[in-house]
Amino acid sequence: MNDQRHEERLTDLRRQVDETDDAIVALLSKRFELSAQIAEVKTAVALPIHCPDRERSILDRLPSEKHRRIFAVILEVSRAIQAERRDVSP
């Protein structure tokens, strides 16, 4: 491949990464909204925010340690969203 083709390939791959990132952000936004709704249900039935068994079941179904590391952060943020929602619920 010549330099021009490498440049075009790199541009195309970066465009695909950007599109993938946009899709991930949209899915995370949906997940975080669902987490807020879950907080409302947990509050209504007096359940704790942190459910280690549920988190373990989520992490255990993931295909690799890389995925588990990312999801550990997502779960942490989801707990924070639930705690925040619980604090502002009537």
N, C-alpha and C. Protein backbone atom coordinates (compact mmCIF):
# COMPACT_ATOMS: atom_id res chain seq x y z
N MET A 1 0.84 -1.19 0.00
CA MET A 1 0.00 0.00 0.00
C MET A 1 0.88 1.24 0.00
N ASN A 2 0.49 2.21 -0.79
CA ASN A 2 1.24 3.45 -0.78
C ASN A 2 0.73 4.34 0.35
N ASP A 3 1.44 5.47 0.57
CA ASP A 3 1.10 6.36 1.68
C ASP A 3 -0.33 6.90 1.57
N GLN A 4 -0.76 7.22 0.37
CA GLN A 4 -2.11 7.76 0.18
C GLN A 4 -3.17 6.73 0.59
N ARG A 5 -2.97 5.50 0.20
CA ARG A 5 -3.93 4.44 0.56
C ARG A 5 -3.92 4.18 2.06
N HIS A 6 -2.74 4.25 2.68
CA HIS A 6 -2.67 4.10 4.14
C HIS A 6 -3.45 5.22 4.82
N GLU A 7 -3.28 6.41 4.33
CA GLU A 7 -3.98 7.58 4.89
C GLU A 7 -5.49 7.42 4.75
N GLU A 8 -5.94 6.98 3.58
CA GLU A 8 -7.37 6.76 3.35
C GLU A 8 -7.91 5.67 4.26
N ARG A 9 -7.14 4.61 4.41
CA ARG A 9 -7.56 3.50 5.27
C ARG A 9 -7.66 3.96 6.72
N LEU A 10 -6.67 4.72 7.15
CA LEU A 10 -6.67 5.24 8.52
C LEU A 10 -7.87 6.16 8.74
N THR A 11 -8.15 7.02 7.80
CA THR A 11 -9.31 7.92 7.90
C THR A 11 -10.59 7.12 7.98
N ASP A 12 -10.73 6.10 7.16
CA ASP A 12 -11.93 5.27 7.18
C ASP A 12 -12.06 4.52 8.51
N LEU A 13 -10.99 3.96 9.00
CA LEU A 13 -11.04 3.24 10.27
C LEU A 13 -11.41 4.18 11.42
N ARG A 14 -10.85 5.38 11.42
CA ARG A 14 -11.18 6.35 12.46
C ARG A 14 -12.64 6.78 12.38
N ARG A 15 -13.17 6.89 11.17
CA ARG A 15 -14.58 7.21 11.00
C ARG A 15 -15.43 6.10 11.60
N GLN A 16 -15.05 4.86 11.36
CA GLN A 16 -15.78 3.72 11.92
C GLN A 16 -15.71 3.71 13.44
N VAL A 17 -14.55 4.06 13.98
CA VAL A 17 -14.41 4.15 15.44
C VAL A 17 -15.34 5.23 15.99
N ASP A 18 -15.37 6.38 15.32
CA ASP A 18 -16.25 7.46 15.76
C ASP A 18 -17.72 7.03 15.74
N GLU A 19 -18.13 6.33 14.70
CA GLU A 19 -19.50 5.84 14.62
C GLU A 19 -19.79 4.83 15.73
N THR A 20 -18.83 3.97 15.99
CA THR A 20 -18.98 3.00 17.07
C THR A 20 -19.07 3.70 18.42
N ASP A 21 -18.23 4.71 18.63
CA ASP A 21 -18.29 5.47 19.87
C ASP A 21 -19.65 6.13 20.05
N ASP A 22 -20.19 6.69 18.97
CA ASP A 22 -21.53 7.30 19.04
C ASP A 22 -22.58 6.28 19.45
N ALA A 23 -22.48 5.07 18.92
CA ALA A 23 -23.43 4.02 19.27
C ALA A 23 -23.27 3.60 20.73
N ILE A 24 -22.03 3.52 21.19
CA ILE A 24 -21.78 3.16 22.59
C ILE A 24 -22.37 4.22 23.51
N VAL A 25 -22.18 5.49 23.18
CA VAL A 25 -22.72 6.59 24.00
C VAL A 25 -24.25 6.49 24.06
N ALA A 26 -24.88 6.22 22.94
CA ALA A 26 -26.34 6.09 22.92
C ALA A 26 -26.79 4.93 23.80
N LEU A 27 -26.10 3.81 23.72
CA LEU A 27 -26.47 2.66 24.53
C LEU A 27 -26.21 2.91 26.01
N LEU A 28 -25.12 3.59 26.33
CA LEU A 28 -24.85 3.93 27.73
C LEU A 28 -25.91 4.87 28.27
N SER A 29 -26.33 5.82 27.46
CA SER A 29 -27.38 6.75 27.88
C SER A 29 -28.66 5.97 28.20
N LYS A 30 -28.99 5.01 27.36
CA LYS A 30 -30.18 4.18 27.61
C LYS A 30 -30.00 3.39 28.90
N ARG A 31 -28.82 2.80 29.09
CA ARG A 31 -28.57 2.01 30.29
C ARG A 31 -28.68 2.87 31.54
N PHE A 32 -28.15 4.08 31.48
CA PHE A 32 -28.19 4.95 32.65
C PHE A 32 -29.62 5.39 32.96
N GLU A 33 -30.42 5.60 31.94
CA GLU A 33 -31.83 5.92 32.18
C GLU A 33 -32.54 4.73 32.82
N LEU A 34 -32.25 3.53 32.36
CA LEU A 34 -32.82 2.33 32.97
C LEU A 34 -32.38 2.19 34.43
N SER A 35 -31.12 2.53 34.70
CA SER A 35 -30.62 2.48 36.08
C SER A 35 -31.40 3.43 36.98
N ALA A 36 -31.70 4.61 36.45
CA ALA A 36 -32.49 5.58 37.22
C ALA A 36 -33.88 5.02 37.50
N GLN A 37 -34.47 4.37 36.52
CA GLN A 37 -35.79 3.76 36.72
C GLN A 37 -35.73 2.61 37.72
N ILE A 38 -34.66 1.85 37.67
CA ILE A 38 -34.47 0.75 38.63
C ILE A 38 -34.38 1.32 40.05
N ALA A 39 -33.72 2.46 40.20
CA ALA A 39 -33.61 3.10 41.51
C ALA A 39 -34.99 3.43 42.07
N GLU A 40 -35.88 3.88 41.21
CA GLU A 40 -37.23 4.21 41.66
C GLU A 40 -37.94 2.96 42.18
N VAL A 41 -37.78 1.85 41.48
CA VAL A 41 -38.41 0.60 41.92
C VAL A 41 -37.78 0.12 43.22
N LYS A 42 -36.45 0.15 43.27
CA LYS A 42 -35.76 -0.28 44.50
C LYS A 42 -36.19 0.56 45.69
N THR A 43 -36.34 1.87 45.48
CA THR A 43 -36.78 2.75 46.56
C THR A 43 -38.18 2.38 47.00
N ALA A 44 -39.06 2.12 46.05
CA ALA A 44 -40.45 1.79 46.36
C ALA A 44 -40.58 0.52 47.19
N VAL A 45 -39.67 -0.43 46.97
CA VAL A 45 -39.76 -1.71 47.70
C VAL A 45 -38.64 -1.88 48.72
N ALA A 46 -37.94 -0.78 49.00
CA ALA A 46 -36.90 -0.74 50.04
C ALA A 46 -35.76 -1.75 49.81
N LEU A 47 -35.33 -1.85 48.57
CA LEU A 47 -34.17 -2.69 48.26
C LEU A 47 -32.91 -1.84 48.26
N PRO A 48 -31.77 -2.44 48.61
CA PRO A 48 -30.52 -1.69 48.57
C PRO A 48 -30.10 -1.40 47.13
N ILE A 49 -29.33 -0.35 46.97
CA ILE A 49 -28.83 -0.01 45.63
C ILE A 49 -27.83 -1.06 45.16
N HIS A 50 -26.91 -1.41 46.03
CA HIS A 50 -25.85 -2.34 45.63
C HIS A 50 -26.35 -3.78 45.76
N CYS A 51 -26.26 -4.50 44.66
CA CYS A 51 -26.66 -5.91 44.62
C CYS A 51 -25.49 -6.71 44.05
N PRO A 52 -24.57 -7.14 44.91
CA PRO A 52 -23.37 -7.83 44.43
C PRO A 52 -23.66 -9.07 43.58
N ASP A 53 -24.69 -9.83 43.93
CA ASP A 53 -25.00 -11.02 43.15
C ASP A 53 -25.39 -10.66 41.72
N ARG A 54 -26.19 -9.62 41.57
CA ARG A 54 -26.60 -9.17 40.23
C ARG A 54 -25.38 -8.69 39.44
N GLU A 55 -24.53 -7.91 40.09
CA GLU A 55 -23.33 -7.41 39.40
C GLU A 55 -22.43 -8.58 38.99
N ARG A 56 -22.28 -9.55 39.86
CA ARG A 56 -21.43 -10.71 39.54
C ARG A 56 -22.01 -11.45 38.35
N SER A 57 -23.34 -11.59 38.28
CA SER A 57 -23.94 -12.30 37.16
C SER A 57 -23.72 -11.55 35.84
N ILE A 58 -23.73 -10.23 35.91
CA ILE A 58 -23.44 -9.43 34.71
C ILE A 58 -21.99 -9.64 34.28
N LEU A 59 -21.07 -9.52 35.22
CA LEU A 59 -19.65 -9.64 34.89
C LEU A 59 -19.30 -11.05 34.42
N ASP A 60 -19.93 -12.04 35.02
CA ASP A 60 -19.61 -13.44 34.67
C ASP A 60 -20.02 -13.81 33.24
N ARG A 61 -20.99 -13.11 32.68
CA ARG A 61 -21.42 -13.47 31.33
C ARG A 61 -20.59 -12.79 30.24
N LEU A 62 -19.66 -11.94 30.63
CA LEU A 62 -18.84 -11.21 29.65
C LEU A 62 -17.70 -12.08 29.14
N PRO A 63 -17.28 -11.85 27.90
CA PRO A 63 -16.32 -12.77 27.27
C PRO A 63 -14.86 -12.60 27.68
N SER A 64 -14.50 -11.46 28.28
CA SER A 64 -13.07 -11.29 28.59
C SER A 64 -12.86 -10.33 29.76
N GLU A 65 -11.65 -10.34 30.27
CA GLU A 65 -11.29 -9.42 31.35
C GLU A 65 -11.39 -7.97 30.89
N LYS A 66 -11.08 -7.68 29.64
CA LYS A 66 -11.21 -6.31 29.12
C LYS A 66 -12.66 -5.84 29.24
N HIS A 67 -13.58 -6.70 28.88
CA HIS A 67 -15.00 -6.35 28.98
C HIS A 67 -15.41 -6.17 30.45
N ARG A 68 -14.92 -7.06 31.31
CA ARG A 68 -15.27 -6.96 32.73
C ARG A 68 -14.74 -5.67 33.35
N ARG A 69 -13.55 -5.25 32.95
CA ARG A 69 -12.99 -4.00 33.47
C ARG A 69 -13.85 -2.81 33.07
N ILE A 70 -14.29 -2.78 31.83
CA ILE A 70 -15.14 -1.68 31.37
C ILE A 70 -16.48 -1.72 32.08
N PHE A 71 -17.06 -2.91 32.19
CA PHE A 71 -18.37 -3.01 32.83
C PHE A 71 -18.31 -2.72 34.32
N ALA A 72 -17.19 -2.98 34.96
CA ALA A 72 -17.05 -2.63 36.37
C ALA A 72 -17.24 -1.12 36.55
N VAL A 73 -16.69 -0.35 35.64
CA VAL A 73 -16.88 1.11 35.68
C VAL A 73 -18.34 1.47 35.39
N ILE A 74 -18.93 0.82 34.39
CA ILE A 74 -20.34 1.09 34.06
C ILE A 74 -21.22 0.78 35.27
N LEU A 75 -20.96 -0.31 35.95
CA LEU A 75 -21.75 -0.67 37.12
C LEU A 75 -21.56 0.35 38.24
N GLU A 76 -20.34 0.82 38.40
CA GLU A 76 -20.06 1.84 39.41
C GLU A 76 -20.86 3.12 39.12
N VAL A 77 -20.86 3.54 37.88
CA VAL A 77 -21.62 4.73 37.49
C VAL A 77 -23.12 4.48 37.66
N SER A 78 -23.57 3.29 37.32
CA SER A 78 -24.98 2.96 37.48
C SER A 78 -25.40 3.04 38.95
N ARG A 79 -24.54 2.55 39.85
CA ARG A 79 -24.84 2.65 41.29
C ARG A 79 -24.91 4.11 41.72
N ALA A 80 -24.00 4.93 41.21
CA ALA A 80 -24.01 6.35 41.55
C ALA A 80 -25.29 7.02 41.06
N ILE A 81 -25.73 6.66 39.87
CA ILE A 81 -26.98 7.21 39.34
C ILE A 81 -28.15 6.79 40.23
N GLN A 82 -28.16 5.53 40.64
CA GLN A 82 -29.23 5.06 41.50
C GLN A 82 -29.21 5.76 42.85
N ALA A 83 -28.03 5.95 43.41
CA ALA A 83 -27.92 6.65 44.70
C ALA A 83 -28.39 8.09 44.57
N GLU A 84 -28.01 8.72 43.50
CA GLU A 84 -28.43 10.10 43.24
C GLU A 84 -29.94 10.19 43.09
N ARG A 85 -30.52 9.27 42.33
CA ARG A 85 -31.96 9.26 42.12
C ARG A 85 -32.69 9.00 43.45
N ARG A 86 -32.13 8.11 44.24
CA ARG A 86 -32.75 7.82 45.54
C ARG A 86 -32.73 9.06 46.42
N ASP A 87 -31.66 9.82 46.35
CA ASP A 87 -31.54 11.03 47.17
C ASP A 87 -32.52 12.12 46.78
N VAL A 88 -32.94 12.12 45.50
CA VAL A 88 -33.86 13.17 45.06
C VAL A 88 -35.30 12.68 44.90
N SER A 89 -35.53 11.40 45.18
CA SER A 89 -36.90 10.87 45.08
C SER A 89 -37.75 11.42 46.22
N PRO A 90 -39.01 11.65 45.95
CA PRO A 90 -39.90 12.17 47.01
C PRO A 90 -40.13 11.15 48.11
